[in-house]
Amino acid sequence: MLFDDQYHSIEKTAEGLFREKGSRFIAYAIPVITETEVKEQLDILRKKYYDATHHCFAYVLGNEKSAWRVNDDGEPSGTAGRPIYGAIQSADLTNILIVVIRYYGGVKLGVPGLINAYRTAAKDAIAHAQIITNTVKEVYRIEYPYDLMNDIMKILKEEGPLIISSEFGMTCVIEFAIRRNNLRKLLGRFDRLNNLSINYLKTI
């Protein structure tokens, strides 16, 4: 069972395929972080498969899976993007784009047939993907006077956050990332120090 600061994604692009009554459904599962990356990957596939009948997709972004979208690209409403999205949800994945490219085979599949085809193609791509587990990390910046250096370094060494950047002078600045489940303990130790400024930057 995963802790609340972990999430699943895929390591690299994977492909899937489903055939039904002459139609081919080519699926790509692609790791993405931003909507800009989603657009770029869609543009690449639309150019590569310029002669395809449909380019349907769904994506989920963010460690809390809060950003998502589905697109049927001309197929009957709810028959393509939603089943692809359902496959992503079933696999408990995020930061992923799945595009299913259809070449029409001359025989209509009907609504149930389309739903099954797009869902199965998406699942096949996921089945060929390498699933990875990431931890949610919180990024903070601390500023402190030089005379706190030893205390700060002792805490950082013992708690083990990832140091992103550091500047040392009369006023020192360190940016670090720490696993969410370990954050409270680290902040509690910093709270015991005087003349220390600490600010949340982002979640990654």
Protein backbone atom coordinates (compact mmCIF):
# COMPACT_ATOMS: atom_id res chain seq x y z
CA MET A 1 0.00 0.00 0.00
CA LEU A 2 1.34 3.42 -0.91
CA PHE A 3 1.80 6.24 1.55
CA ASP A 4 -0.03 9.48 0.86
CA ASP A 5 3.14 11.12 -0.44
CA GLN A 6 3.73 8.62 -3.26
CA TYR A 7 2.29 8.36 -6.75
CA HIS A 8 2.69 6.18 -9.84
CA SER A 9 3.80 7.27 -13.29
CA ILE A 10 5.60 5.68 -16.24
CA GLU A 11 9.32 5.81 -16.95
CA LYS A 12 9.24 6.21 -20.74
CA THR A 13 6.93 6.03 -23.75
CA ALA A 14 5.22 2.70 -24.36
CA GLU A 15 3.05 1.49 -27.22
CA GLY A 16 -0.08 -0.63 -27.46
CA LEU A 17 -2.25 -1.99 -30.27
CA PHE A 18 -5.81 -3.26 -30.71
CA ARG A 19 -7.51 -4.46 -33.89
CA GLU A 20 -11.24 -4.81 -34.43
CA LYS A 21 -13.12 -5.44 -37.70
CA GLY A 22 -10.42 -3.93 -39.84
CA SER A 23 -9.83 -0.86 -37.66
CA ARG A 24 -6.42 -0.39 -36.02
CA PHE A 25 -6.07 1.40 -32.71
CA ILE A 26 -2.46 2.40 -32.04
CA ALA A 27 -1.88 3.61 -28.49
CA TYR A 28 0.98 5.64 -27.02
CA ALA A 29 1.46 6.08 -23.27
CA ILE A 30 3.79 9.06 -22.77
CA PRO A 31 5.24 10.52 -19.56
CA VAL A 32 4.46 14.26 -19.33
CA ILE A 33 4.63 16.91 -16.60
CA THR A 34 2.99 19.99 -18.13
CA GLU A 35 0.19 20.83 -20.56
CA THR A 36 2.83 22.31 -22.85
CA GLU A 37 4.45 18.87 -23.10
CA VAL A 38 1.04 17.36 -23.80
CA LYS A 39 0.53 19.73 -26.74
CA GLU A 40 4.02 19.04 -28.08
CA GLN A 41 3.51 15.26 -27.97
CA LEU A 42 0.09 15.53 -29.62
CA ASP A 43 1.58 17.65 -32.42
CA ILE A 44 4.29 15.04 -33.00
CA LEU A 45 1.82 12.17 -33.25
CA ARG A 46 -0.62 14.10 -35.43
CA LYS A 47 2.18 14.79 -37.90
CA LYS A 48 3.49 11.22 -37.78
CA TYR A 49 0.01 9.74 -38.27
CA TYR A 50 -1.34 12.53 -40.44
CA ASP A 51 -3.53 10.11 -42.45
CA ALA A 52 -5.25 8.54 -39.42
CA THR A 53 -9.01 8.86 -38.92
CA HIS A 54 -8.88 9.98 -35.27
CA HIS A 55 -6.32 11.02 -32.63
CA CYS A 56 -8.14 10.57 -29.32
CA PHE A 57 -6.50 11.15 -25.96
CA ALA A 58 -6.65 11.64 -22.24
CA TYR A 59 -4.10 12.94 -19.78
CA VAL A 60 -3.65 13.30 -16.03
CA LEU A 61 -1.14 15.65 -14.42
CA GLY A 62 0.08 16.42 -10.91
CA ASN A 63 0.81 14.27 -7.89
CA GLU A 64 -2.80 14.80 -6.76
CA LYS A 65 -4.13 14.04 -10.27
CA SER A 66 -5.92 17.38 -10.23
CA ALA A 67 -5.37 18.34 -13.89
CA TRP A 68 -6.90 16.11 -16.54
CA ARG A 69 -8.65 16.24 -19.88
CA VAL A 70 -10.28 13.90 -22.38
CA ASN A 71 -10.80 14.35 -26.12
CA ASP A 72 -12.89 12.21 -28.53
CA ASP A 73 -11.54 13.88 -31.70
CA GLY A 74 -14.71 13.35 -33.71
CA GLU A 75 -15.74 9.98 -32.32
CA PRO A 76 -19.20 9.82 -30.67
CA SER A 77 -19.16 11.65 -27.34
CA GLY A 78 -17.81 9.54 -24.49
CA THR A 79 -16.58 6.65 -26.63
CA ALA A 80 -12.86 7.44 -26.78
CA GLY A 81 -11.37 9.97 -24.37
CA ARG A 82 -13.36 8.74 -21.36
CA PRO A 83 -12.41 5.06 -21.81
CA ILE A 84 -8.75 6.08 -22.18
CA TYR A 85 -9.05 8.17 -19.02
CA GLY A 86 -10.68 5.21 -17.29
CA ALA A 87 -7.68 3.03 -18.14
CA ILE A 88 -5.36 5.64 -16.60
CA GLN A 89 -7.49 5.78 -13.44
CA SER A 90 -7.63 1.99 -13.16
CA ALA A 91 -3.84 1.86 -13.23
CA ASP A 92 -3.64 4.70 -10.66
CA LEU A 93 -1.28 6.75 -12.85
CA THR A 94 -0.51 10.44 -13.20
CA ASN A 95 1.82 12.63 -15.27
CA ILE A 96 0.78 10.59 -18.27
CA LEU A 97 -0.72 11.21 -21.71
CA ILE A 98 -2.31 8.39 -23.66
CA VAL A 99 -3.10 8.95 -27.31
CA VAL A 100 -5.00 6.33 -29.29
CA ILE A 101 -4.76 6.73 -33.05
CA ARG A 102 -7.45 5.04 -35.13
CA TYR A 103 -7.31 3.91 -38.72
CA TYR A 104 -10.89 3.17 -39.76
CA GLY A 105 -11.38 -0.26 -41.28
CA GLY A 106 -14.69 0.29 -43.04
CA VAL A 107 -16.95 -1.36 -40.47
CA LYS A 108 -18.69 0.68 -37.77
CA LEU A 109 -18.11 -0.67 -34.27
CA GLY A 110 -21.00 1.02 -32.47
CA VAL A 111 -20.76 2.77 -29.12
CA PRO A 112 -19.94 -0.35 -27.01
CA GLY A 113 -17.39 -1.48 -29.59
CA LEU A 114 -15.66 1.90 -29.65
CA ILE A 115 -15.52 2.13 -25.87
CA ASN A 116 -13.99 -1.34 -25.67
CA ALA A 117 -11.49 -0.61 -28.46
CA TYR A 118 -10.15 2.63 -27.00
CA ARG A 119 -10.03 1.26 -23.47
CA THR A 120 -8.29 -1.95 -24.57
CA ALA A 121 -5.71 -0.10 -26.67
CA ALA A 122 -4.93 2.24 -23.76
CA LYS A 123 -4.61 -0.68 -21.34
CA ASP A 124 -2.25 -2.44 -23.76
CA ALA A 125 0.03 0.59 -23.84
CA ILE A 126 0.02 0.74 -20.03
CA ALA A 127 0.76 -2.99 -19.86
CA HIS A 128 3.91 -2.38 -21.94
CA ALA A 129 5.03 0.56 -19.79
CA GLN A 130 7.52 0.54 -16.95
CA ILE A 131 5.60 1.78 -13.90
CA ILE A 132 7.60 3.88 -11.45
CA THR A 133 6.82 5.20 -7.98
CA ASN A 134 7.67 8.81 -7.14
CA THR A 135 7.50 10.62 -3.82
CA VAL A 136 5.88 14.01 -3.37
CA LYS A 137 8.48 16.55 -2.30
CA GLU A 138 8.05 20.02 -0.81
CA VAL A 139 10.52 22.72 -1.82
CA TYR A 140 11.49 25.40 0.71
CA ARG A 141 13.95 28.28 0.99
CA ILE A 142 15.67 29.12 4.27
CA GLU A 143 17.59 32.33 5.02
CA TYR A 144 19.73 32.66 8.11
CA PRO A 145 22.74 34.57 9.47
CA TYR A 146 26.17 33.00 9.08
CA ASP A 147 26.49 32.32 12.80
CA LEU A 148 23.70 29.72 12.51
CA MET A 149 25.66 27.75 9.90
CA ASN A 150 26.70 24.87 12.16
CA ASP A 151 23.19 24.38 13.55
CA ILE A 152 21.60 24.49 10.10
CA MET A 153 24.11 22.10 8.54
CA LYS A 154 23.71 19.63 11.40
CA ILE A 155 19.94 19.54 10.91
CA LEU A 156 20.20 19.21 7.12
CA LYS A 157 22.75 16.42 7.40
CA GLU A 158 20.63 14.46 9.86
CA GLU A 159 17.28 14.96 8.09
CA GLY A 160 18.69 14.45 4.59
CA PRO A 161 16.71 16.78 2.29
CA LEU A 162 17.90 17.29 -1.28
CA ILE A 163 19.85 20.54 -1.49
CA ILE A 164 18.86 22.37 -4.67
CA SER A 165 20.98 25.51 -4.30
CA SER A 166 22.98 27.36 -1.66
CA GLU A 167 24.57 30.80 -1.18
CA PHE A 168 26.84 31.55 1.74
CA GLY A 169 27.66 35.06 2.97
CA MET A 170 26.69 37.25 5.88
CA THR A 171 23.18 36.02 5.08
CA CYS A 172 22.99 32.43 3.84
CA VAL A 173 20.28 31.03 1.57
CA ILE A 174 19.53 27.37 0.92
CA GLU A 175 16.79 25.87 -1.21
CA PHE A 176 15.95 22.24 -0.54
CA ALA A 177 13.37 19.59 -1.35
CA ILE A 178 12.16 17.07 1.22
CA ARG A 179 9.72 14.18 1.10
CA ARG A 180 6.32 15.36 2.32
CA ASN A 181 6.08 12.77 5.09
CA ASN A 182 9.41 13.98 6.54
CA LEU A 183 8.62 17.70 6.35
CA ARG A 184 6.98 18.21 9.75
CA LYS A 185 9.97 16.87 11.68
CA LEU A 186 12.41 19.07 9.75
CA LEU A 187 10.32 22.22 10.19
CA GLY A 188 9.94 21.45 13.88
CA ARG A 189 13.71 21.45 14.31
CA PHE A 190 14.07 24.72 12.38
CA ASP A 191 11.38 26.32 14.56
CA ARG A 192 13.64 25.99 17.57
CA LEU A 193 16.19 28.36 15.99
CA ASN A 194 16.03 32.16 16.14
CA ASN A 195 16.66 34.56 13.22
CA LEU A 196 15.71 31.94 10.67
CA SER A 197 13.36 32.72 7.76
CA ILE A 198 11.76 29.79 5.98
CA ASN A 199 9.39 29.99 3.00
CA TYR A 200 7.48 27.38 0.99
CA LEU A 201 8.24 27.53 -2.75
CA LYS A 202 6.44 24.67 -4.49
CA THR A 203 5.52 20.99 -4.52
CA ILE A 204 7.20 18.60 -6.95
